[in-house]
C-alpha atoms as a PDB file:
ATOM      1  CA  UNK A   1     183.374  -9.616 -44.243  1.00  0.00           C
ATOM      2  CA  UNK A   2     180.857 -13.365 -44.335  1.00  0.00           C
ATOM      3  CA  UNK A   3     177.161 -13.531 -41.611  1.00  0.00           C
ATOM      4  CA  UNK A   4     176.694 -15.777 -39.330  1.00  0.00           C
ATOM      5  CA  UNK A   5     174.456 -17.238 -41.792  1.00  0.00           C
ATOM      6  CA  UNK A   6     177.219 -17.567 -44.491  1.00  0.00           C
ATOM      7  CA  UNK A   7     179.493 -19.045 -42.012  1.00  0.00           C
ATOM      8  CA  UNK A   8     177.337 -21.775 -40.667  1.00  0.00           C
ATOM      9  CA  UNK A   9     176.359 -22.804 -44.480  1.00  0.00           C
ATOM     10  CA  UNK A  10     179.884 -22.827 -45.601  1.00  0.00           C
ATOM     11  CA  UNK A  11     181.166 -25.138 -41.938  1.00  0.00           C
ATOM     12  CA  UNK A  12     177.928 -27.352 -42.953  1.00  0.00           C
ATOM     13  CA  UNK A  13     178.683 -27.960 -46.051  1.00  0.00           C
ATOM     14  CA  UNK A  14     182.840 -28.711 -45.839  1.00  0.00           C
ATOM     15  CA  UNK A  15     181.716 -31.281 -42.897  1.00  0.00           C
ATOM     16  CA  UNK A  16     178.592 -33.046 -44.948  1.00  0.00           C
ATOM     17  CA  UNK A  17     181.609 -33.053 -47.961  1.00  0.00           C
ATOM     18  CA  UNK A  18     183.229 -35.141 -45.217  1.00  0.00           C
ATOM     19  CA  UNK A  19     181.018 -36.798 -44.028  1.00  0.00           C
ATOM     20  CA  UNK A  20     180.223 -38.342 -47.405  1.00  0.00           C
ATOM     21  CA  UNK A  21     183.356 -39.031 -48.312  1.00  0.00           C
ATOM     22  CA  UNK A  22     183.768 -41.469 -45.114  1.00  0.00           C
ATOM     23  CA  UNK A  23     180.386 -42.695 -45.519  1.00  0.00           C
ATOM     24  CA  UNK A  24     181.295 -43.652 -49.223  1.00  0.00           C
ATOM     25  CA  UNK A  25     184.832 -45.313 -48.088  1.00  0.00           C
ATOM     26  CA  UNK A  26     183.091 -47.532 -45.019  1.00  0.00           C
ATOM     27  CA  UNK A  27     180.295 -48.214 -46.798  1.00  0.00           C
ATOM     28  CA  UNK A  28     182.327 -49.618 -49.538  1.00  0.00           C
ATOM     29  CA  UNK A  29     184.891 -51.507 -47.423  1.00  0.00           C
ATOM     30  CA  UNK A  30     182.932 -52.081 -44.069  1.00  0.00           C
ATOM     31  CA  UNK A  31     179.298 -51.926 -43.986  1.00  0.00           C
ATOM     32  CA  UNK A  32     178.093 -53.091 -47.196  1.00  0.00           C
ATOM     33  CA  UNK A  33     180.510 -53.977 -49.553  1.00  0.00           C
ATOM     34  CA  UNK A  34     179.455 -55.470 -52.745  1.00  0.00           C
ATOM     35  CA  UNK A  35     181.792 -58.040 -52.516  1.00  0.00           C
ATOM     36  CA  UNK A  36     183.049 -59.462 -49.129  1.00  0.00           C
ATOM     37  CA  UNK A  37     186.427 -57.828 -47.260  1.00  0.00           C
ATOM     38  CA  UNK A  38     185.936 -54.840 -49.741  1.00  0.00           C
ATOM     39  CA  UNK A  39     185.381 -53.851 -53.767  1.00  0.00           C
ATOM     40  CA  UNK A  40     186.330 -51.405 -55.892  1.00  0.00           C
ATOM     41  CA  UNK A  41     184.072 -49.436 -55.656  1.00  0.00           C
ATOM     42  CA  UNK A  42     185.601 -47.498 -52.326  1.00  0.00           C
ATOM     43  CA  UNK A  43     187.473 -45.984 -55.558  1.00  0.00           C
ATOM     44  CA  UNK A  44     183.910 -43.516 -56.078  1.00  0.00           C
ATOM     45  CA  UNK A  45     185.467 -41.294 -53.185  1.00  0.00           C
ATOM     46  CA  UNK A  46     188.075 -39.622 -55.012  1.00  0.00           C
ATOM     47  CA  UNK A  47     185.890 -37.684 -57.145  1.00  0.00           C
ATOM     48  CA  UNK A  48     185.160 -36.020 -53.926  1.00  0.00           C
ATOM     49  CA  UNK A  49     188.800 -36.040 -52.727  1.00  0.00           C
ATOM     50  CA  UNK A  50     189.164 -32.957 -55.599  1.00  0.00           C
ATOM     51  CA  UNK A  51     187.114 -30.430 -54.269  1.00  0.00           C
ATOM     52  CA  UNK A  52     187.879 -30.814 -50.616  1.00  0.00           C
ATOM     53  CA  UNK A  53     190.485 -29.237 -50.388  1.00  0.00           C
ATOM     54  CA  UNK A  54     189.036 -26.160 -52.095  1.00  0.00           C
ATOM     55  CA  UNK A  55     185.615 -26.089 -49.863  1.00  0.00           C
ATOM     56  CA  UNK A  56     187.877 -26.162 -46.763  1.00  0.00           C
ATOM     57  CA  UNK A  57     189.228 -22.882 -48.010  1.00  0.00           C
ATOM     58  CA  UNK A  58     186.248 -21.374 -49.127  1.00  0.00           C
ATOM     59  CA  UNK A  59     187.544 -21.329 -52.816  1.00  0.00           C
ATOM     60  CA  UNK A  60     183.916 -19.577 -54.517  1.00  0.00           C
ATOM     61  CA  UNK A  61     185.777 -21.966 -57.975  1.00  0.00           C
ATOM     62  CA  UNK A  62     185.459 -25.253 -55.651  1.00  0.00           C
ATOM     63  CA  UNK A  63     181.744 -24.867 -54.466  1.00  0.00           C
ATOM     64  CA  UNK A  64     180.251 -23.638 -57.931  1.00  0.00           C
ATOM     65  CA  UNK A  65     181.469 -27.053 -59.933  1.00  0.00           C
ATOM     66  CA  UNK A  66     181.164 -29.332 -57.026  1.00  0.00           C
ATOM     67  CA  UNK A  67     177.992 -28.620 -55.988  1.00  0.00           C
ATOM     68  CA  UNK A  68     177.464 -29.772 -59.383  1.00  0.00           C
ATOM     69  CA  UNK A  69     179.705 -32.515 -58.477  1.00  0.00           C
ATOM     70  CA  UNK A  70     177.397 -33.654 -55.496  1.00  0.00           C
ATOM     71  CA  UNK A  71     174.954 -34.482 -57.650  1.00  0.00           C
ATOM     72  CA  UNK A  72     176.651 -37.805 -59.332  1.00  0.00           C
ATOM     73  CA  UNK A  73     176.593 -38.951 -55.752  1.00  0.00           C
ATOM     74  CA  UNK A  74     172.796 -37.531 -55.236  1.00  0.00           C
ATOM     75  CA  UNK A  75     171.738 -39.307 -57.875  1.00  0.00           C
ATOM     76  CA  UNK A  76     173.520 -42.915 -56.806  1.00  0.00           C
ATOM     77  CA  UNK A  77     172.125 -42.612 -53.323  1.00  0.00           C
ATOM     78  CA  UNK A  78     168.854 -42.752 -55.440  1.00  0.00           C
ATOM     79  CA  UNK A  79     169.529 -45.685 -57.041  1.00  0.00           C
ATOM     80  CA  UNK A  80     170.938 -48.129 -54.631  1.00  0.00           C
ATOM     81  CA  UNK A  81     168.552 -46.918 -52.502  1.00  0.00           C
ATOM     82  CA  UNK A  82     165.565 -47.659 -54.318  1.00  0.00           C
ATOM     83  CA  UNK A  83     167.383 -51.424 -55.336  1.00  0.00           C
ATOM     84  CA  UNK A  84     169.423 -52.198 -52.575  1.00  0.00           C
ATOM     85  CA  UNK A  85     168.105 -53.970 -49.635  1.00  0.00           C
ATOM     86  CA  UNK A  86     169.165 -53.489 -46.084  1.00  0.00           C
ATOM     87  CA  UNK A  87     171.956 -51.542 -45.196  1.00  0.00           C
ATOM     88  CA  UNK A  88     172.578 -50.931 -48.612  1.00  0.00           C
ATOM     89  CA  UNK A  89     169.284 -49.217 -48.815  1.00  0.00           C
ATOM     90  CA  UNK A  90     169.725 -47.241 -45.824  1.00  0.00           C
ATOM     91  CA  UNK A  91     173.321 -45.789 -46.398  1.00  0.00           C
ATOM     92  CA  UNK A  92     171.958 -44.771 -49.944  1.00  0.00           C
ATOM     93  CA  UNK A  93     169.206 -42.232 -47.935  1.00  0.00           C
ATOM     94  CA  UNK A  94     172.001 -41.194 -45.887  1.00  0.00           C
ATOM     95  CA  UNK A  95     174.163 -40.365 -49.063  1.00  0.00           C
ATOM     96  CA  UNK A  96     171.365 -38.632 -50.527  1.00  0.00           C
ATOM     97  CA  UNK A  97     170.686 -36.775 -47.214  1.00  0.00           C
ATOM     98  CA  UNK A  98     174.536 -35.837 -47.098  1.00  0.00           C
ATOM     99  CA  UNK A  99     174.453 -34.783 -50.506  1.00  0.00           C
ATOM    100  CA  UNK A 100     170.784 -32.180 -50.322  1.00  0.00           C
ATOM    101  CA  UNK A 101     172.389 -30.620 -47.114  1.00  0.00           C
ATOM    102  CA  UNK A 102     175.534 -30.350 -49.250  1.00  0.00           C
ATOM    103  CA  UNK A 103     173.877 -28.876 -52.446  1.00  0.00           C
ATOM    104  CA  UNK A 104     171.892 -26.354 -50.928  1.00  0.00           C
ATOM    105  CA  UNK A 105     174.723 -25.044 -47.653  1.00  0.00           C
ATOM    106  CA  UNK A 106     177.079 -25.006 -51.174  1.00  0.00           C
ATOM    107  CA  UNK A 107     174.060 -22.518 -52.799  1.00  0.00           C
ATOM    108  CA  UNK A 108     173.490 -20.578 -49.901  1.00  0.00           C
ATOM    109  CA  UNK A 109     177.063 -20.183 -48.971  1.00  0.00           C
ATOM    110  CA  UNK A 110     177.769 -18.899 -52.953  1.00  0.00           C
ATOM    111  CA  UNK A 111     174.412 -16.417 -52.741  1.00  0.00           C
ATOM    112  CA  UNK A 112     175.987 -13.347 -51.363  1.00  0.00           C
ATOM    113  CA  UNK A 113     178.814 -13.275 -54.336  1.00  0.00           C
ATOM    114  CA  UNK A 114     176.372 -14.263 -56.911  1.00  0.00           C
ATOM    115  CA  UNK A 115     173.882 -11.185 -56.289  1.00  0.00           C
ATOM    116  CA  UNK A 116     176.806  -9.085 -55.790  1.00  0.00           C
ATOM    117  CA  UNK A 117     178.334 -10.458 -59.297  1.00  0.00           C
ATOM    118  CA  UNK A 118     175.400  -8.874 -60.692  1.00  0.00           C
ATOM    119  CA  UNK A 119     174.759  -6.250 -59.195  1.00  0.00           C
ATOM    120  CA  UNK A 120     178.529  -5.523 -60.356  1.00  0.00           C
ATOM    121  CA  UNK A 121     177.411  -6.181 -64.009  1.00  0.00           C
ATOM    122  CA  UNK A 122     174.198  -4.399 -63.965  1.00  0.00           C
ATOM    123  CA  UNK A 123     176.450  -0.849 -63.111  1.00  0.00           C
ATOM    124  CA  UNK A 124     178.795  -2.101 -65.472  1.00  0.00           C
ATOM    125  CA  UNK A 125     176.082  -1.859 -68.163  1.00  0.00           C
ATOM    126  CA  UNK A 126     174.343   0.955 -66.984  1.00  0.00           C
ATOM    127  CA  UNK A 127     177.453   2.661 -66.703  1.00  0.00           C
ATOM    128  CA  UNK A 128     178.502   1.625 -70.729  1.00  0.00           C
ATOM    129  CA  UNK A 129     174.530   2.849 -71.803  1.00  0.00           C
ATOM    130  CA  UNK A 130     175.839   6.602 -70.728  1.00  0.00           C
END
């Protein structure tokens, strides 16, 4: 049912989302928190937990909207990578990398579904015009 490329994209997308969640928690609690001992900014991980189950289950709709949600974390990573210093800047670049990996793998995973839906729509239009 799934091509090897599509399966690989799913695995990499799920792994990158999981790693991004772990990175965000570690970043704000241990590695480079805004305040010593951790900060409330760790709550930024909560929106990432919403699509996790659907991504693991290969839910097409969840993969679609999570590919848009991830762009918020891309923006945060860019801001922190370019405005913070030291470890926090490095973590920002890692966040950017993980979000890019997730985004592109999710898009590549969804591509065959999009192509199939487009083909069905074209067939329906052709059928309706006859």
